[in-house]
């Protein structure tokens, strides 16, 4: 087994996997299900090579559910076959206790999935929770997470996570619940009170982040004096995309003293968010922006000792702790006509979630790839 390297021709990868140059050329000459020039780096190649007769099979794993197979009998030409893998879907509950990060907590309690897929599951959960929890700041040691998630298994043994069905995080002793629910034909995630997980504001301006300091008093790293740090610093690599926290209009984009390159956005509820020390920004004053839109990149301009984003929230011109100011900006409630069905499903799902960790709780019939 081997993988295609970045910028490497497929023919070269096949030769490294054990095919003679002529065998590789002959196999690719019958390719119709793929373009040899567009096979991505990282694609897995599996070959069967007989010391006497040469290669008899080449398998390219083009996607998690798509395989192209080249086979030949002794003395015969290559035959190409494209295979779409069928998936069987069951449901498992995974979870863990936070010792450092959400990713580590999931990885430590999700043996039902391969290691790479555990990280994918953690990111999927973070995408759902990013309107309610700033996972770089709010999460603390000994917080816990439990997730009910689909497990999809292919015919060849490949495993990947499917949809998250329900989850509960305990943050600072308080539960944050979410579940998947279909309302008027549309699938979305709601909290335990029946409010949409999607709200008017994100909880953090960086998608991948870690905090370097918090709201309150600190010693200014350059001026050396104690001053009220009117916001939150997110340490991140220079160039990391910075997101608008919510819909609004840019009221300033330029150089602002110690903040360096700065963007300020006024939102529909009167909040103003400020993003400082940027390396660059790609919006202009007066421009409307939407939630999650990239407005700039993390930098170290102004009074800054290392790349990071300085983020502030102002309410009626007064600095507020972002954690407090954004806490009650929840999503739209569920339609009254859906409340009973929602409560019934919630009762069943969270009862299953609480029964055990890391065990099978349900099973569905075989599903087509990517099918729900």
Protein backbone atom coordinates (compact mmCIF):
# COMPACT_ATOMS: atom_id res chain seq x y z
CA UNK A 1 0.00 0.00 0.00
CA UNK A 2 1.21 3.50 -0.84
CA UNK A 3 -0.15 7.01 -1.34
CA UNK A 4 0.28 9.60 -4.07
CA UNK A 5 2.60 12.41 -3.09
CA UNK A 6 1.94 16.07 -3.75
CA UNK A 7 2.71 16.98 -7.37
CA UNK A 8 3.55 13.38 -8.26
CA UNK A 9 2.27 11.89 -11.56
CA UNK A 10 0.06 8.85 -11.04
CA UNK A 11 2.34 6.74 -13.25
CA UNK A 12 5.30 7.43 -10.94
CA UNK A 13 3.24 6.52 -7.86
CA UNK A 14 2.20 3.25 -9.50
CA UNK A 15 5.83 2.40 -10.24
CA UNK A 16 6.77 3.10 -6.63
CA UNK A 17 3.88 0.83 -5.56
CA UNK A 18 5.45 -2.07 -7.47
CA UNK A 19 4.39 -1.83 -11.13
CA UNK A 20 6.89 -1.89 -13.96
CA UNK A 21 6.81 1.29 -16.12
CA UNK A 22 5.15 -0.60 -18.99
CA UNK A 23 2.54 -2.12 -16.63
CA UNK A 24 1.68 1.32 -15.25
CA UNK A 25 1.34 2.78 -18.74
CA UNK A 26 -0.87 -0.10 -19.91
CA UNK A 27 -3.15 0.15 -16.88
CA UNK A 28 -3.62 3.91 -17.29
CA UNK A 29 -4.29 3.51 -20.99
CA UNK A 30 -7.66 1.87 -20.21
CA UNK A 31 -8.66 4.42 -17.53
CA UNK A 32 -12.06 6.00 -18.17
CA UNK A 33 -13.44 6.39 -14.64
CA UNK A 34 -10.67 8.77 -13.64
CA UNK A 35 -8.36 11.38 -15.11
CA UNK A 36 -4.77 10.35 -14.21
CA UNK A 37 -3.77 14.03 -14.19
CA UNK A 38 -6.36 14.92 -11.51
CA UNK A 39 -5.93 12.19 -8.92
CA UNK A 40 -5.36 13.96 -5.60
CA UNK A 41 -2.32 13.71 -3.36
CA UNK A 42 -2.95 11.30 -0.49
CA UNK A 43 -4.96 8.87 -2.62
CA UNK A 44 -4.29 5.32 -1.43
CA UNK A 45 -2.87 2.78 -3.89
CA UNK A 46 -3.00 -0.96 -3.18
CA UNK A 47 -1.35 -3.41 -5.57
CA UNK A 48 -0.96 -7.16 -6.00
CA UNK A 49 2.28 -8.08 -7.73
CA UNK A 50 3.38 -11.63 -8.56
CA UNK A 51 7.18 -12.01 -8.75
CA UNK A 52 6.85 -14.09 -11.91
CA UNK A 53 3.86 -12.71 -13.82
CA UNK A 54 3.91 -9.08 -12.62
CA UNK A 55 1.08 -6.89 -11.37
CA UNK A 56 -2.41 -8.40 -11.37
CA UNK A 57 -4.42 -5.75 -9.48
CA UNK A 58 -4.28 -2.04 -8.73
CA UNK A 59 -6.84 -0.41 -6.41
CA UNK A 60 -7.16 3.38 -6.12
CA UNK A 61 -9.22 4.68 -3.18
CA UNK A 62 -10.36 7.94 -4.86
CA UNK A 63 -12.80 8.82 -2.08
CA UNK A 64 -14.01 7.20 1.10
CA UNK A 65 -16.87 5.61 -0.86
CA UNK A 66 -15.36 5.36 -4.36
CA UNK A 67 -12.83 2.80 -5.59
CA UNK A 68 -11.37 2.28 -9.05
CA UNK A 69 -9.90 -1.19 -9.59
CA UNK A 70 -7.63 -2.36 -12.44
CA UNK A 71 -7.25 -6.14 -12.83
CA UNK A 72 -5.76 -8.48 -15.39
CA UNK A 73 -5.33 -12.20 -15.84
CA UNK A 74 -1.99 -13.56 -17.00
CA UNK A 75 -1.40 -12.61 -20.63
CA UNK A 76 -4.61 -10.55 -20.79
CA UNK A 77 -5.11 -6.76 -21.01
CA UNK A 78 -6.06 -4.63 -18.02
CA UNK A 79 -9.75 -4.25 -17.14
CA UNK A 80 -11.02 -1.22 -15.25
CA UNK A 81 -13.93 -1.35 -12.78
CA UNK A 82 -15.39 1.50 -10.75
CA UNK A 83 -17.02 0.56 -7.45
CA UNK A 84 -19.27 2.65 -5.23
CA UNK A 85 -19.15 1.30 -1.71
CA UNK A 86 -22.35 0.60 0.18
CA UNK A 87 -22.58 1.74 3.78
CA UNK A 88 -24.29 0.22 6.79
CA UNK A 89 -25.33 2.79 9.38
CA UNK A 90 -25.70 2.23 13.10
CA UNK A 91 -25.64 4.64 16.03
CA UNK A 92 -23.12 4.84 18.85
CA UNK A 93 -22.64 7.02 21.91
CA UNK A 94 -19.14 8.35 22.51
CA UNK A 95 -17.81 10.75 25.06
CA UNK A 96 -15.09 11.76 27.43
CA UNK A 97 -13.84 14.14 30.08
CA UNK A 98 -11.97 17.28 29.08
CA UNK A 99 -8.33 17.34 30.16
CA UNK A 100 -7.07 19.82 27.56
CA UNK A 101 -9.26 20.27 24.47
CA UNK A 102 -12.53 19.09 22.98
CA UNK A 103 -10.61 17.14 20.32
CA UNK A 104 -8.66 15.26 22.98
CA UNK A 105 -11.83 14.50 24.96
CA UNK A 106 -13.53 13.05 21.88
CA UNK A 107 -10.41 11.15 20.81
CA UNK A 108 -10.12 9.54 24.22
CA UNK A 109 -13.66 8.20 24.19
CA UNK A 110 -14.41 7.34 20.57
CA UNK A 111 -12.76 4.00 19.94
CA UNK A 112 -15.66 3.24 17.58
CA UNK A 113 -13.90 5.40 14.99
CA UNK A 114 -10.39 5.52 13.51
CA UNK A 115 -8.14 8.22 14.96
CA UNK A 116 -8.50 10.64 12.03
CA UNK A 117 -12.27 10.32 12.12
CA UNK A 118 -12.35 11.21 15.82
CA UNK A 119 -10.90 14.60 14.99
CA UNK A 120 -13.48 15.01 12.22
CA UNK A 121 -16.23 14.24 14.75
CA UNK A 122 -14.86 16.81 17.20
CA UNK A 123 -14.81 19.49 14.50
CA UNK A 124 -18.37 18.61 13.44
CA UNK A 125 -19.55 19.03 17.02
CA UNK A 126 -17.64 22.31 17.34
CA UNK A 127 -19.40 23.62 14.21
CA UNK A 128 -22.77 22.99 15.87
CA UNK A 129 -21.77 24.48 19.21
CA UNK A 130 -19.90 27.56 17.96
CA UNK A 131 -22.97 29.78 18.46
CA UNK A 132 -23.22 28.76 22.13
CA UNK A 133 -19.73 27.97 23.41
CA UNK A 134 -16.35 29.54 22.82
CA UNK A 135 -14.47 26.25 22.93
CA UNK A 136 -11.10 27.99 23.21
CA UNK A 137 -12.12 29.83 26.35
CA UNK A 138 -15.20 28.41 28.04
CA UNK A 139 -14.06 24.79 28.18
CA UNK A 140 -12.39 23.81 31.46
CA UNK A 141 -10.66 20.76 32.84
CA UNK A 142 -13.13 18.08 33.98
CA UNK A 143 -15.94 19.38 31.75
CA UNK A 144 -17.54 16.47 29.90
CA UNK A 145 -18.99 15.67 26.50
CA UNK A 146 -21.31 12.89 25.27
CA UNK A 147 -22.30 12.53 21.63
CA UNK A 148 -24.79 10.24 19.89
CA UNK A 149 -23.57 9.91 16.32
CA UNK A 150 -24.16 7.75 13.27
CA UNK A 151 -21.38 5.29 12.46
CA UNK A 152 -21.12 4.39 8.79
CA UNK A 153 -19.22 1.24 7.85
CA UNK A 154 -18.32 0.36 4.26
CA UNK A 155 -18.02 -3.10 2.74
CA UNK A 156 -14.24 -2.94 2.91
CA UNK A 157 -14.23 -2.08 6.62
CA UNK A 158 -13.80 1.68 6.33
CA UNK A 159 -15.53 3.59 9.13
CA UNK A 160 -16.58 7.22 9.30
CA UNK A 161 -18.91 9.34 11.44
CA UNK A 162 -22.25 10.39 9.96
CA UNK A 163 -24.74 12.87 11.37
CA UNK A 164 -24.55 13.94 14.99
CA UNK A 165 -27.95 12.99 16.46
CA UNK A 166 -27.69 14.53 19.92
CA UNK A 167 -25.01 15.82 22.27
CA UNK A 168 -24.56 17.20 25.73
CA UNK A 169 -21.60 19.18 27.00
CA UNK A 170 -21.24 20.05 30.65
CA UNK A 171 -19.35 23.36 30.84
CA UNK A 172 -18.53 24.77 34.26
CA UNK A 173 -21.19 22.52 35.74
CA UNK A 174 -23.92 23.66 33.32
CA UNK A 175 -25.29 21.40 30.56
CA UNK A 176 -25.43 22.58 26.95
CA UNK A 177 -27.64 20.25 24.92
CA UNK A 178 -28.25 19.98 21.20
CA UNK A 179 -30.22 17.59 18.98
CA UNK A 180 -30.99 17.09 15.33
CA UNK A 181 -34.64 17.75 14.44
CA UNK A 182 -36.63 18.09 11.23
CA UNK A 183 -38.97 21.09 11.11
CA UNK A 184 -41.13 21.74 8.04
CA UNK A 185 -38.93 19.42 5.99
CA UNK A 186 -35.68 21.11 7.01
CA UNK A 187 -33.11 19.47 9.24
CA UNK A 188 -31.47 21.68 11.86
CA UNK A 189 -29.99 21.58 15.34
CA UNK A 190 -31.86 22.87 18.39
CA UNK A 191 -30.93 23.24 22.03
CA UNK A 192 -32.73 21.50 24.89
CA UNK A 193 -35.24 24.35 25.12
CA UNK A 194 -36.21 24.12 21.46
CA UNK A 195 -34.25 27.15 20.24
CA UNK A 196 -32.19 27.01 17.06
CA UNK A 197 -28.48 26.51 17.66
CA UNK A 198 -27.84 29.07 14.95
CA UNK A 199 -27.99 32.51 16.54
CA UNK A 200 -27.27 36.08 15.51
CA UNK A 201 -23.67 35.84 16.71
CA UNK A 202 -20.84 33.36 16.79
CA UNK A 203 -19.07 32.98 20.12
CA UNK A 204 -15.56 33.48 18.72
CA UNK A 205 -14.06 35.28 15.70
CA UNK A 206 -11.64 32.45 14.82
CA UNK A 207 -12.66 28.99 13.68
CA UNK A 208 -9.51 27.33 15.02
CA UNK A 209 -8.31 29.11 18.05
CA UNK A 210 -6.75 29.19 21.48
CA UNK A 211 -6.87 32.04 23.96
CA UNK A 212 -3.78 33.79 25.25
CA UNK A 213 -5.45 36.22 27.67
CA UNK A 214 -8.93 37.04 28.92
CA UNK A 215 -11.08 40.02 29.78
CA UNK A 216 -9.98 41.82 32.96
CA UNK A 217 -6.77 43.28 34.42
CA UNK A 218 -3.37 42.35 33.04
CA UNK A 219 0.08 43.84 32.60
CA UNK A 220 0.37 45.36 29.14
CA UNK A 221 3.12 43.36 27.37
CA UNK A 222 4.81 46.44 25.83
CA UNK A 223 3.89 49.43 27.97
CA UNK A 224 4.57 47.43 31.13
CA UNK A 225 1.71 48.99 33.05
CA UNK A 226 -1.48 47.52 34.47
CA UNK A 227 -4.46 48.55 32.41
CA UNK A 228 -7.90 47.14 31.83
CA UNK A 229 -7.67 44.73 28.93
CA UNK A 230 -10.94 45.56 27.23
CA UNK A 231 -11.40 42.38 25.29
CA UNK A 232 -10.01 38.95 24.51
CA UNK A 233 -6.78 37.95 22.79
CA UNK A 234 -6.80 34.88 20.57
CA UNK A 235 -3.32 33.55 19.88
CA UNK A 236 -3.13 32.16 16.35
CA UNK A 237 -0.71 31.85 13.48
CA UNK A 238 -0.21 34.92 11.33
CA UNK A 239 -2.62 34.80 8.41
CA UNK A 240 -5.35 32.84 10.21
CA UNK A 241 -8.72 34.03 8.82
CA UNK A 242 -10.72 36.35 11.09
CA UNK A 243 -14.53 36.07 10.91
CA UNK A 244 -17.24 38.67 11.42
CA UNK A 245 -19.07 37.66 14.57
CA UNK A 246 -22.46 38.56 13.08
CA UNK A 247 -24.26 40.44 10.32
CA UNK A 248 -23.52 44.15 10.25
CA UNK A 249 -21.78 47.03 8.50
CA UNK A 250 -18.12 48.01 8.65
CA UNK A 251 -17.76 51.40 10.34
CA UNK A 252 -13.95 51.48 10.37
CA UNK A 253 -11.16 49.69 8.50
CA UNK A 254 -7.69 51.12 8.87
CA UNK A 255 -4.89 51.90 11.31
CA UNK A 256 -5.98 52.69 14.86
CA UNK A 257 -2.99 53.51 17.11
CA UNK A 258 -1.88 50.64 19.34
CA UNK A 259 -4.52 48.38 17.79
CA UNK A 260 -2.62 48.48 14.49
CA UNK A 261 -4.68 47.45 11.49
CA UNK A 262 -8.24 47.28 12.78
CA UNK A 263 -11.76 46.53 11.60
CA UNK A 264 -14.88 47.66 13.48
CA UNK A 265 -18.39 46.40 12.67
CA UNK A 266 -21.72 47.77 13.88
CA UNK A 267 -24.37 45.07 14.20
CA UNK A 268 -28.15 45.25 13.94
CA UNK A 269 -28.64 45.12 17.72
CA UNK A 270 -26.33 48.11 18.24
CA UNK A 271 -23.31 46.04 19.29
CA UNK A 272 -19.94 47.04 17.85
CA UNK A 273 -17.21 44.40 17.47
CA UNK A 274 -13.55 45.39 17.07
CA UNK A 275 -10.78 43.24 15.57
CA UNK A 276 -7.24 44.51 16.16
CA UNK A 277 -3.56 43.78 15.33
CA UNK A 278 -4.57 42.43 11.91
CA UNK A 279 -1.93 41.61 9.33
CA UNK A 280 -4.38 42.64 6.62
CA UNK A 281 -8.09 43.31 6.14
CA UNK A 282 -10.24 42.82 3.05
CA UNK A 283 -13.26 45.00 3.82
CA UNK A 284 -13.83 48.75 3.64
CA UNK A 285 -15.77 51.26 5.70
CA UNK A 286 -19.48 51.23 4.82
CA UNK A 287 -19.43 47.68 3.48
CA UNK A 288 -22.11 45.24 4.73
CA UNK A 289 -20.80 41.92 6.06
CA UNK A 290 -22.47 38.66 7.02
CA UNK A 291 -21.91 36.30 9.91
CA UNK A 292 -18.78 34.11 9.47
CA UNK A 293 -17.53 36.24 6.56
CA UNK A 294 -13.74 36.54 6.48
CA UNK A 295 -12.84 40.19 7.15
CA UNK A 296 -9.09 39.94 7.65
CA UNK A 297 -6.14 37.89 8.84
CA UNK A 298 -4.42 37.54 12.20
CA UNK A 299 -1.26 39.62 12.50
CA UNK A 300 0.92 41.54 14.93
CA UNK A 301 0.53 45.19 13.92
CA UNK A 302 0.42 48.01 16.47
CA UNK A 303 1.43 47.38 20.09
CA UNK A 304 1.80 43.62 19.79
CA UNK A 305 4.62 41.23 20.63
CA UNK A 306 3.40 38.20 18.67
CA UNK A 307 0.68 37.27 16.17
CA UNK A 308 -2.75 37.29 17.78
CA UNK A 309 -6.22 38.76 17.36
CA UNK A 310 -7.42 41.35 19.86
CA UNK A 311 -11.22 41.19 19.97
CA UNK A 312 -13.63 43.57 21.70
CA UNK A 313 -17.39 44.01 22.10
CA UNK A 314 -18.84 47.46 22.79
CA UNK A 315 -22.45 47.98 23.88
CA UNK A 316 -23.67 51.58 23.66
CA UNK A 317 -20.04 52.64 23.42
CA UNK A 318 -19.01 50.78 26.59
CA UNK A 319 -16.61 47.84 26.59
CA UNK A 320 -18.27 44.60 27.69
CA UNK A 321 -16.82 41.19 28.40
CA UNK A 322 -17.59 39.32 25.13
CA UNK A 323 -18.45 36.21 27.12
CA UNK A 324 -21.16 38.07 29.05
CA UNK A 325 -22.41 40.29 26.22
CA UNK A 326 -22.97 37.38 23.83
CA UNK A 327 -24.32 34.87 26.34
CA UNK A 328 -28.02 35.59 25.80
CA UNK A 329 -27.95 36.02 22.02
CA UNK A 330 -29.82 32.76 21.38
CA UNK A 331 -31.49 31.47 18.22
CA UNK A 332 -35.10 31.48 17.07
CA UNK A 333 -37.52 29.19 18.97
CA UNK A 334 -39.12 26.11 17.49
CA UNK A 335 -42.57 26.51 15.93
CA UNK A 336 -45.33 25.82 18.47
CA UNK A 337 -46.85 23.15 16.21
CA UNK A 338 -43.60 21.15 16.41
CA UNK A 339 -43.14 21.38 20.18
CA UNK A 340 -44.80 18.06 21.10
CA UNK A 341 -42.87 16.03 18.52
CA UNK A 342 -39.69 17.76 19.59
CA UNK A 343 -40.20 16.98 23.28
CA UNK A 344 -41.00 13.32 22.55
CA UNK A 345 -37.86 12.90 20.45
CA UNK A 346 -35.77 14.79 23.01
CA UNK A 347 -36.91 12.48 25.82
CA UNK A 348 -36.02 9.38 23.83
CA UNK A 349 -32.66 10.60 22.51
CA UNK A 350 -31.29 11.89 25.79
CA UNK A 351 -32.44 8.76 27.61
CA UNK A 352 -30.34 6.77 25.13
CA UNK A 353 -27.49 9.24 25.46
CA UNK A 354 -27.45 8.74 29.22
CA UNK A 355 -27.65 4.95 29.20
CA UNK A 356 -24.05 4.23 28.34
CA UNK A 357 -20.98 5.55 26.63
CA UNK A 358 -19.39 3.88 23.61
CA UNK A 359 -22.07 1.28 22.88
CA UNK A 360 -24.47 0.49 20.10
CA UNK A 361 -27.88 2.04 20.64
CA UNK A 362 -29.62 1.51 17.33
CA UNK A 363 -29.31 0.21 13.83
CA UNK A 364 -30.73 1.03 10.42
CA UNK A 365 -30.78 -0.86 7.15
CA UNK A 366 -27.94 -0.62 4.65
CA UNK A 367 -27.70 2.86 3.20
CA UNK A 368 -26.37 4.18 -0.06
CA UNK A 369 -23.21 6.34 0.10
CA UNK A 370 -23.92 9.77 1.59
CA UNK A 371 -27.58 8.81 1.98
CA UNK A 372 -29.66 9.80 4.98
